[in-house]
Protein backbone atom coordinates (compact mmCIF):
# COMPACT_ATOMS: atom_id res chain seq x y z
CA MET A 1 45.34 227.41 138.31
CA SER A 2 46.98 229.23 135.45
CA GLN A 3 50.35 229.64 137.16
CA PRO A 4 52.23 227.36 139.58
CA TYR A 5 52.82 228.44 143.15
CA ASP A 6 56.36 229.76 143.60
CA PRO A 7 57.36 229.32 147.26
CA ASN A 8 60.21 231.77 146.74
CA HIS A 9 57.95 234.57 145.62
CA PRO A 10 56.86 236.90 148.47
CA GLN A 11 53.11 236.68 148.90
CA HIS A 12 50.70 239.28 150.25
CA TRP A 13 48.59 238.12 153.15
CA PRO A 14 45.02 238.99 154.19
CA GLY A 15 44.55 241.56 156.89
CA TYR A 16 47.85 243.28 156.39
CA LEU A 17 48.39 243.08 152.68
CA ALA A 18 46.38 240.87 150.40
CA GLY A 19 46.45 237.52 148.75
CA PRO A 20 47.02 237.45 145.00
CA GLY A 21 44.18 237.29 142.51
CA TYR A 22 43.02 233.95 141.25
CA ALA A 23 41.02 234.39 138.15
CA PHE A 24 39.95 236.30 135.23
CA ALA A 25 40.19 239.86 134.08
CA SER A 26 37.20 241.88 132.97
CA GLU A 27 39.46 243.65 130.49
CA PRO A 28 42.65 242.50 128.77
CA PRO A 29 45.36 243.26 131.36
CA PRO A 30 48.38 245.31 130.29
CA PRO A 31 51.74 243.72 131.05
CA PRO A 32 52.91 242.95 133.68
CA ARG A 33 49.38 242.73 135.05
CA ARG A 34 48.46 239.14 135.84
CA SER A 35 45.15 237.38 135.56
CA HIS A 36 44.37 234.19 137.42
CA LYS A 37 41.65 231.65 137.85
CA ARG A 38 40.16 232.05 141.28
CA GLY A 39 40.24 228.78 143.17
CA LEU A 40 41.58 226.68 146.01
CA ILE A 41 43.41 223.39 145.88
CA LEU A 42 42.37 220.79 148.39
CA THR A 43 45.20 218.91 150.03
CA GLY A 44 46.10 216.12 147.65
CA ALA A 45 44.81 218.20 144.72
CA VAL A 46 41.34 219.54 145.37
CA ALA A 47 40.94 223.12 144.18
CA LEU A 48 38.87 226.13 145.19
CA ALA A 49 36.54 227.05 142.44
CA ALA A 50 37.14 230.51 141.04
CA GLY A 51 38.44 230.74 137.51
CA ALA A 52 39.60 232.61 134.45
CA ALA A 53 41.20 233.08 131.14
CA ALA A 54 43.77 235.83 130.91
CA GLY A 55 42.67 238.73 128.75
CA GLY A 56 39.16 237.38 128.31
CA LEU A 57 36.19 239.71 128.05
CA ILE A 58 32.87 239.26 129.79
CA GLY A 59 30.41 238.17 127.16
CA THR A 60 26.88 239.34 126.45
CA LEU A 61 24.70 238.53 129.45
CA ASN A 62 21.18 237.20 129.43
CA ARG A 63 18.67 239.91 130.26
CA VAL A 64 15.52 238.90 132.08
CA PRO A 65 12.88 240.83 134.01
CA ALA A 66 13.73 241.70 137.61
CA GLY A 67 12.09 239.66 140.32
CA THR A 68 12.74 236.50 142.29
CA ALA A 69 14.28 233.43 140.73
CA THR A 70 11.21 231.21 140.71
CA ALA A 71 11.58 227.73 142.15
CA THR A 72 9.17 225.06 143.22
CA SER A 73 9.61 222.54 145.99
CA LYS A 74 7.52 219.92 144.18
CA THR A 75 8.42 219.89 140.48
CA VAL A 76 11.60 218.14 139.42
CA LEU A 77 13.35 220.25 136.80
CA SER A 78 15.87 219.45 134.09
CA ALA A 79 19.34 221.01 134.22
CA SER A 80 18.38 223.49 131.50
CA GLN A 81 15.19 224.46 133.34
CA ILE A 82 17.16 224.95 136.54
CA ALA A 83 19.68 227.13 134.75
CA GLU A 84 16.92 229.26 133.23
CA ARG A 85 15.47 229.92 136.66
CA VAL A 86 18.67 230.24 138.69
CA ASP A 87 20.95 232.18 136.30
CA PRO A 88 19.26 235.59 136.79
CA ALA A 89 20.06 235.48 140.52
CA LEU A 90 23.81 235.02 139.94
CA VAL A 91 26.54 237.61 139.45
CA ASP A 92 30.05 237.52 137.99
CA ILE A 93 32.62 239.00 140.37
CA VAL A 94 35.92 240.49 139.22
CA SER A 95 38.26 241.49 142.06
CA ALA A 96 41.32 243.63 141.45
CA ASP A 97 44.43 243.53 143.62
CA GLY A 98 46.11 246.89 143.05
CA TYR A 99 49.18 245.86 145.04
CA GLN A 100 50.06 242.89 142.90
CA GLN A 101 48.52 244.19 139.68
CA ALA A 102 46.37 241.07 139.40
CA THR A 103 42.69 240.34 138.92
CA SER A 104 40.52 237.43 139.96
CA ALA A 105 37.05 236.23 139.08
CA GLY A 106 34.34 234.24 140.78
CA THR A 107 30.59 234.10 141.26
CA GLY A 108 28.03 235.43 143.73
CA ILE A 109 24.43 234.70 144.76
CA VAL A 110 22.01 237.65 144.92
CA LEU A 111 20.26 237.79 148.29
CA THR A 112 18.41 241.12 148.09
CA SER A 113 16.97 243.20 145.27
CA ASN A 114 19.21 246.13 146.24
CA GLY A 115 22.39 244.11 145.71
CA GLU A 116 23.46 242.19 148.79
CA VAL A 117 25.47 239.26 147.44
CA LEU A 118 26.77 236.08 149.06
CA THR A 119 30.10 234.68 147.83
CA ASN A 120 33.24 232.90 149.03
CA ASN A 121 35.75 234.90 151.01
CA HIS A 122 38.53 233.65 148.74
CA VAL A 123 36.81 235.30 145.76
CA ILE A 124 37.22 238.81 147.23
CA GLU A 125 40.30 238.15 149.34
CA GLY A 126 42.95 240.79 148.72
CA ALA A 127 40.68 242.95 146.57
CA THR A 128 41.36 246.67 146.44
CA SER A 129 38.35 247.07 144.14
CA ILE A 130 35.44 244.82 143.15
CA LYS A 131 33.28 244.96 140.02
CA VAL A 132 30.16 242.84 139.78
CA THR A 133 28.07 242.10 136.70
CA ASP A 134 24.52 241.00 137.41
CA VAL A 135 23.43 238.15 135.13
CA GLY A 136 19.78 239.14 135.49
CA ASN A 137 20.09 242.65 134.05
CA GLY A 138 23.55 242.68 132.46
CA ARG A 139 24.65 245.77 134.39
CA THR A 140 28.01 246.17 136.11
CA TYR A 141 28.31 247.66 139.60
CA ALA A 142 31.07 248.63 141.98
CA ALA A 143 30.85 246.67 145.21
CA THR A 144 32.10 246.97 148.77
CA VAL A 145 32.75 244.26 151.34
CA VAL A 146 30.15 244.20 154.12
CA GLY A 147 31.89 241.47 156.10
CA TYR A 148 33.48 238.05 155.89
CA ASP A 149 34.31 234.88 157.76
CA ALA A 150 37.66 233.72 156.44
CA SER A 151 37.62 230.50 158.48
CA ASP A 152 34.37 229.34 156.82
CA ASP A 153 35.15 231.03 153.47
CA VAL A 154 31.98 233.14 153.42
CA ALA A 155 31.71 236.81 152.45
CA VAL A 156 28.95 239.34 151.88
CA ILE A 157 29.39 242.20 149.43
CA GLN A 158 27.07 245.10 148.60
CA LEU A 159 26.54 246.38 145.06
CA GLN A 160 26.42 250.15 144.85
CA ASN A 161 23.27 251.85 143.55
CA ALA A 162 21.61 248.56 142.63
CA SER A 163 17.86 247.99 142.64
CA GLY A 164 15.33 245.59 141.22
CA LEU A 165 17.71 242.65 141.06
CA THR A 166 16.45 239.09 140.79
CA THR A 167 17.05 237.27 144.07
CA ALA A 168 17.88 233.62 144.64
CA SER A 169 15.41 231.05 145.91
CA LEU A 170 17.06 229.39 148.90
CA GLY A 171 16.40 225.82 149.95
CA ASP A 172 17.03 223.91 153.17
CA SER A 173 20.42 222.20 153.22
CA SER A 174 19.45 220.17 156.28
CA SER A 175 17.10 218.17 154.06
CA VAL A 176 19.82 217.21 151.54
CA ASN A 177 20.60 213.49 151.28
CA THR A 178 23.33 211.48 149.60
CA GLY A 179 22.20 210.57 146.10
CA ASP A 180 20.14 213.73 145.58
CA SER A 181 20.43 215.28 142.12
CA VAL A 182 22.12 218.68 142.04
CA VAL A 183 23.32 221.25 139.53
CA ALA A 184 26.31 223.55 140.13
CA LEU A 185 26.10 226.93 138.41
CA GLY A 186 28.71 229.66 138.16
CA ASN A 187 31.26 231.64 136.21
CA ALA A 188 33.29 228.59 135.14
CA GLY A 189 36.66 229.57 133.70
CA GLY A 190 35.99 233.20 134.61
CA LYS A 191 34.73 233.82 131.08
CA GLY A 192 31.55 235.64 132.08
CA GLY A 193 28.38 235.50 130.06
CA THR A 194 25.82 232.77 130.55
CA PRO A 195 26.69 230.80 133.72
CA SER A 196 27.83 227.22 133.28
CA ALA A 197 25.64 224.39 134.58
CA ALA A 198 27.15 221.09 135.73
CA ALA A 199 24.81 218.29 136.80
CA GLY A 200 25.67 215.63 139.36
CA THR A 201 24.60 214.03 142.60
CA VAL A 202 25.38 214.51 146.29
CA THR A 203 28.09 212.00 147.16
CA GLY A 204 28.72 212.93 150.78
CA LEU A 205 27.62 215.14 153.68
CA ASN A 206 29.42 216.76 156.61
CA GLN A 207 32.77 216.52 154.84
CA SER A 208 35.95 218.18 156.11
CA ILE A 209 38.77 219.22 153.78
CA THR A 210 42.00 221.16 153.69
CA ALA A 211 41.85 223.64 150.83
CA SER A 212 45.01 225.44 149.79
CA ASP A 213 45.73 228.34 147.50
CA GLU A 214 48.70 227.51 145.29
CA LEU A 215 49.55 231.11 144.48
CA ALA A 216 49.40 232.50 148.00
CA GLY A 217 50.65 229.36 149.70
CA THR A 218 47.77 229.56 152.19
CA SER A 219 45.52 226.77 153.35
CA GLU A 220 42.29 226.58 155.26
CA GLN A 221 40.27 223.90 157.00
CA LEU A 222 36.65 223.77 155.86
CA THR A 223 34.08 221.59 157.60
CA ASP A 224 30.47 220.40 157.29
CA LEU A 225 30.60 220.55 153.49
CA ILE A 226 28.33 218.98 150.90
CA GLN A 227 30.30 216.74 148.56
CA THR A 228 29.19 216.28 144.96
CA ASN A 229 30.46 214.85 141.68
CA ALA A 230 29.15 217.86 139.74
CA GLY A 231 31.91 219.37 137.60
CA ILE A 232 32.66 222.55 139.55
CA GLN A 233 35.50 224.48 137.90
CA PRO A 234 37.73 227.44 138.74
CA GLY A 235 35.52 230.53 138.49
CA ASP A 236 32.49 228.79 139.99
CA SER A 237 33.50 229.80 143.52
CA GLY A 238 30.58 231.53 145.22
CA GLY A 239 28.08 230.11 142.75
CA SER A 240 24.94 228.10 143.43
CA LEU A 241 24.64 224.41 144.12
CA VAL A 242 20.93 223.81 143.59
CA ASN A 243 18.60 220.87 144.10
CA ALA A 244 16.29 219.31 141.53
CA HIS A 245 13.65 221.93 142.33
CA GLY A 246 15.89 224.90 141.53
CA GLN A 247 16.55 225.88 145.14
CA VAL A 248 20.01 226.89 146.33
CA ILE A 249 21.25 224.35 148.87
CA GLY A 250 24.96 225.19 148.82
CA VAL A 251 27.69 227.64 147.79
CA ASP A 252 30.20 226.18 145.29
CA THR A 253 33.61 226.34 146.94
CA ALA A 254 36.23 223.73 146.02
CA ALA A 255 36.88 220.93 143.56
CA SER A 256 39.53 218.76 141.97
CA SER A 257 40.51 215.39 140.65
CA GLY A 258 42.97 213.32 142.66
CA TYR A 259 41.70 214.48 146.04
CA GLN A 260 42.31 213.75 149.67
CA PHE A 261 40.06 214.53 152.64
CA GLN A 262 39.38 213.09 156.07
CA GLY A 263 42.18 210.62 155.50
CA GLN A 264 40.63 209.21 152.32
CA SER A 265 42.11 209.27 148.82
CA GLY A 266 40.35 209.38 145.49
CA GLN A 267 41.40 208.06 142.11
CA SER A 268 43.03 210.39 139.63
CA GLY A 269 40.43 211.94 137.34
CA GLN A 270 37.53 211.39 139.71
CA THR A 271 35.57 214.59 140.16
CA GLN A 272 35.08 215.66 143.75
CA ALA A 273 33.55 219.03 144.51
CA PHE A 274 32.45 220.69 147.71
CA ALA A 275 29.91 223.32 148.67
CA ILE A 276 29.14 225.19 151.87
CA PRO A 277 25.59 224.28 153.00
CA ILE A 278 23.30 227.25 152.45
CA ASN A 279 21.95 227.06 156.02
CA LYS A 280 25.46 227.46 157.39
CA ALA A 281 26.31 230.23 154.94
CA MET A 282 23.12 232.15 155.75
CA ALA A 283 23.75 231.90 159.49
CA ILE A 284 27.04 233.70 158.86
CA VAL A 285 25.30 236.18 156.56
CA ARG A 286 22.83 237.05 159.32
CA GLN A 287 25.70 237.58 161.75
CA ILE A 288 27.38 239.90 159.26
CA GLU A 289 24.12 241.75 158.60
CA ALA A 290 23.73 242.26 162.35
CA GLY A 291 27.23 243.71 162.53
CA THR A 292 28.34 241.10 165.05
CA THR A 293 32.11 240.64 165.13
CA SER A 294 33.51 237.38 166.47
CA ALA A 295 36.80 235.51 166.51
CA SER A 296 36.23 234.63 162.86
CA VAL A 297 33.75 237.20 161.51
CA HIS A 298 35.00 240.62 160.46
CA ILE A 299 32.65 243.50 159.76
CA GLY A 300 33.46 246.43 157.48
CA ALA A 301 36.79 247.68 156.19
CA THR A 302 39.87 245.51 156.66
CA ALA A 303 42.63 246.63 158.98
CA PHE A 304 45.99 246.95 157.24
CA LEU A 305 49.56 246.50 158.46
CA GLY A 306 51.34 246.54 155.10
CA LEU A 307 53.44 243.40 155.51
CA GLN A 308 54.66 240.85 153.03
CA VAL A 309 55.74 237.42 154.20
CA ALA A 310 57.76 234.80 152.39
CA GLY A 311 55.56 231.76 152.95
CA GLN A 312 52.74 230.28 154.96
CA ASP A 313 54.75 228.85 157.84
CA SER A 314 57.92 230.88 158.16
CA GLY A 315 59.88 230.00 161.26
CA GLY A 316 62.63 232.38 162.21
CA PRO A 317 66.18 231.52 161.28
CA GLU A 318 68.25 229.75 163.91
CA GLY A 319 70.96 231.56 165.83
CA PHE A 320 69.09 234.72 166.82
CA GLY A 321 70.98 235.77 169.96
CA GLY A 322 71.54 232.11 170.74
CA GLN A 323 67.80 231.38 170.38
CA GLY A 324 67.99 228.52 167.92
CA GLY A 325 64.76 227.74 166.07
CA THR A 326 63.02 231.01 166.94
CA SER A 327 59.31 230.71 166.14
CA GLY A 328 57.69 233.49 164.16
CA VAL A 329 56.85 234.81 160.72
CA THR A 330 59.62 236.14 158.51
CA VAL A 331 59.07 239.49 156.82
CA ALA A 332 59.70 239.51 153.06
CA GLY A 333 59.00 243.23 152.72
CA THR A 334 56.69 246.10 153.63
CA VAL A 335 54.52 248.53 151.71
CA SER A 336 56.00 252.00 151.57
CA GLY A 337 54.22 254.36 153.96
CA SER A 338 52.32 251.53 155.66
CA PRO A 339 52.10 251.12 159.45
CA ALA A 340 54.63 248.27 159.32
CA ALA A 341 57.12 250.33 157.33
CA THR A 342 56.67 253.33 159.61
CA ALA A 343 57.39 251.14 162.65
CA GLY A 344 60.72 250.13 161.10
CA LEU A 345 60.03 246.53 160.08
CA VAL A 346 62.26 245.40 157.21
CA GLN A 347 62.93 242.28 155.17
CA GLY A 348 64.41 239.49 157.29
CA ASP A 349 62.80 240.55 160.57
CA VAL A 350 60.81 237.86 162.36
CA ILE A 351 57.42 238.78 163.82
CA THR A 352 56.75 236.91 167.05
CA ALA A 353 53.54 238.53 168.35
CA VAL A 354 50.67 240.69 167.08
CA ASP A 355 48.20 242.36 169.43
CA GLY A 356 49.66 240.36 172.30
CA GLN A 357 49.12 237.03 170.53
CA SER A 358 52.08 234.82 169.64
CA VAL A 359 52.37 234.04 165.92
CA SER A 360 54.11 231.05 164.38
CA SER A 361 52.41 231.00 160.97
CA ALA A 362 51.49 233.77 158.56
CA VAL A 363 47.80 232.93 158.93
CA ASP A 364 48.05 233.85 162.63
CA ILE A 365 48.48 237.51 161.69
CA PRO A 366 45.13 238.11 159.94
CA ARG A 367 43.45 236.02 162.64
CA ALA A 368 44.81 238.44 165.23
CA LEU A 369 43.37 241.33 163.23
CA VAL A 370 39.84 239.96 162.65
CA LYS A 371 38.34 241.98 165.51
CA HIS A 372 40.19 245.16 164.58
CA HIS A 373 39.35 247.98 162.19
CA PRO A 374 41.23 250.83 160.52
CA GLY A 375 42.22 253.39 163.14
CA ASP A 376 42.67 250.84 165.93
CA SER A 377 46.02 250.69 167.73
CA ILE A 378 47.78 247.36 168.23
CA SER A 379 51.18 246.20 169.36
CA ILE A 380 53.59 244.18 167.24
CA THR A 381 56.74 242.43 168.47
CA TRP A 382 59.60 241.27 166.28
CA LEU A 383 63.24 240.22 166.24
CA ASP A 384 65.61 242.04 163.93
CA GLN A 385 68.36 240.22 162.07
CA SER A 386 70.78 240.68 164.97
CA GLY A 387 68.35 239.02 167.36
CA GLN A 388 67.31 242.26 169.07
CA SER A 389 63.66 242.32 170.21
CA HIS A 390 61.44 245.29 169.37
CA THR A 391 57.85 246.16 170.25
CA ALA A 392 55.91 249.02 168.68
CA THR A 393 52.35 250.30 168.78
CA LEU A 394 50.85 250.80 165.33
CA THR A 395 47.71 252.52 164.10
CA LEU A 396 46.05 250.27 161.55
CA ALA A 397 45.32 251.68 158.12
CA THR A 398 42.59 250.75 155.65
CA GLY A 399 43.52 247.86 153.39
CA PRO A 400 42.10 245.40 150.88
CA ALA A 401 39.57 242.76 151.77
CA ALA A 402 41.01 239.95 153.86
């Protein structure tokens, strides 16, 4: 990450405001606009893989004929051959967070010729606008979020007015074995241009990790991951992990040196990277395509409260009306004109329930909003700084991607 996490800096949270950007700007950002590498840090030091260089420009992209990224299930390919076949079915994603004046960059995998793209949720999290450059044809498109599953870090976006794009050749992640050769491809460093290619092997299956975002102070539990020693970097998030035959078997998601997962510890400098199995990712994609909302899958525009909170787990201050150790989420601020501001929430208030669900951590708030959409009415309960309890019914607005 290009900047350290500051626990004293109010962060914007998915579902009601937005997480900060994590990567690279498509244009040099004017001060005080910030540009970050998009990535997660696994507990112990493993990082989500979206990346960037502030002020960098997307380079000249390879142009190849439209079609399907050709792959064979029989011929073993070199890393350069794999890159030649897989690159045209990748996109560079630049997400802008208009609230925090920040941009982030990552990668996406083209699923349909008209521009349906698979990526990580953390690549588009908090985006108020998304620009996507297709590696296959070099063109840049505006994109909208079709849906996402924040708990499994999967998102689907749709490029506007796209056609004739080269689509990825998908493999079968259930057939992956430890020791298999793989290549991770993506927008390493958020620099754009020709995707990077990092060769390695599968070093573990069905792995579970805790991935945290230094800048937002958030963390998430990811399970059933493919582990590899391929050198995934910030910016690669949402890119392809492919087998020796050029077939996508995973979605690049997290990496670091000095890692910790499932109670194990690695040596400093040892590369450990993780990818979501493509079978799992595509099952979520099909649910999103079908428009099926669940406890974790959100379809369409994100509902917006307009809250800022001070940290991930913000218990209320002690002494509220004699209620020592009040559990809740402390408000760091609200967006002017937002539903939260209109309801009268102010800095220092402690939110205790959203939509009838008790909240004790900031991540509980977007979870409560997953099933909701702009225009829905929900209740919110909070304690003011004198300990007085309030409950209001709010109409959710349209906000950035969760």
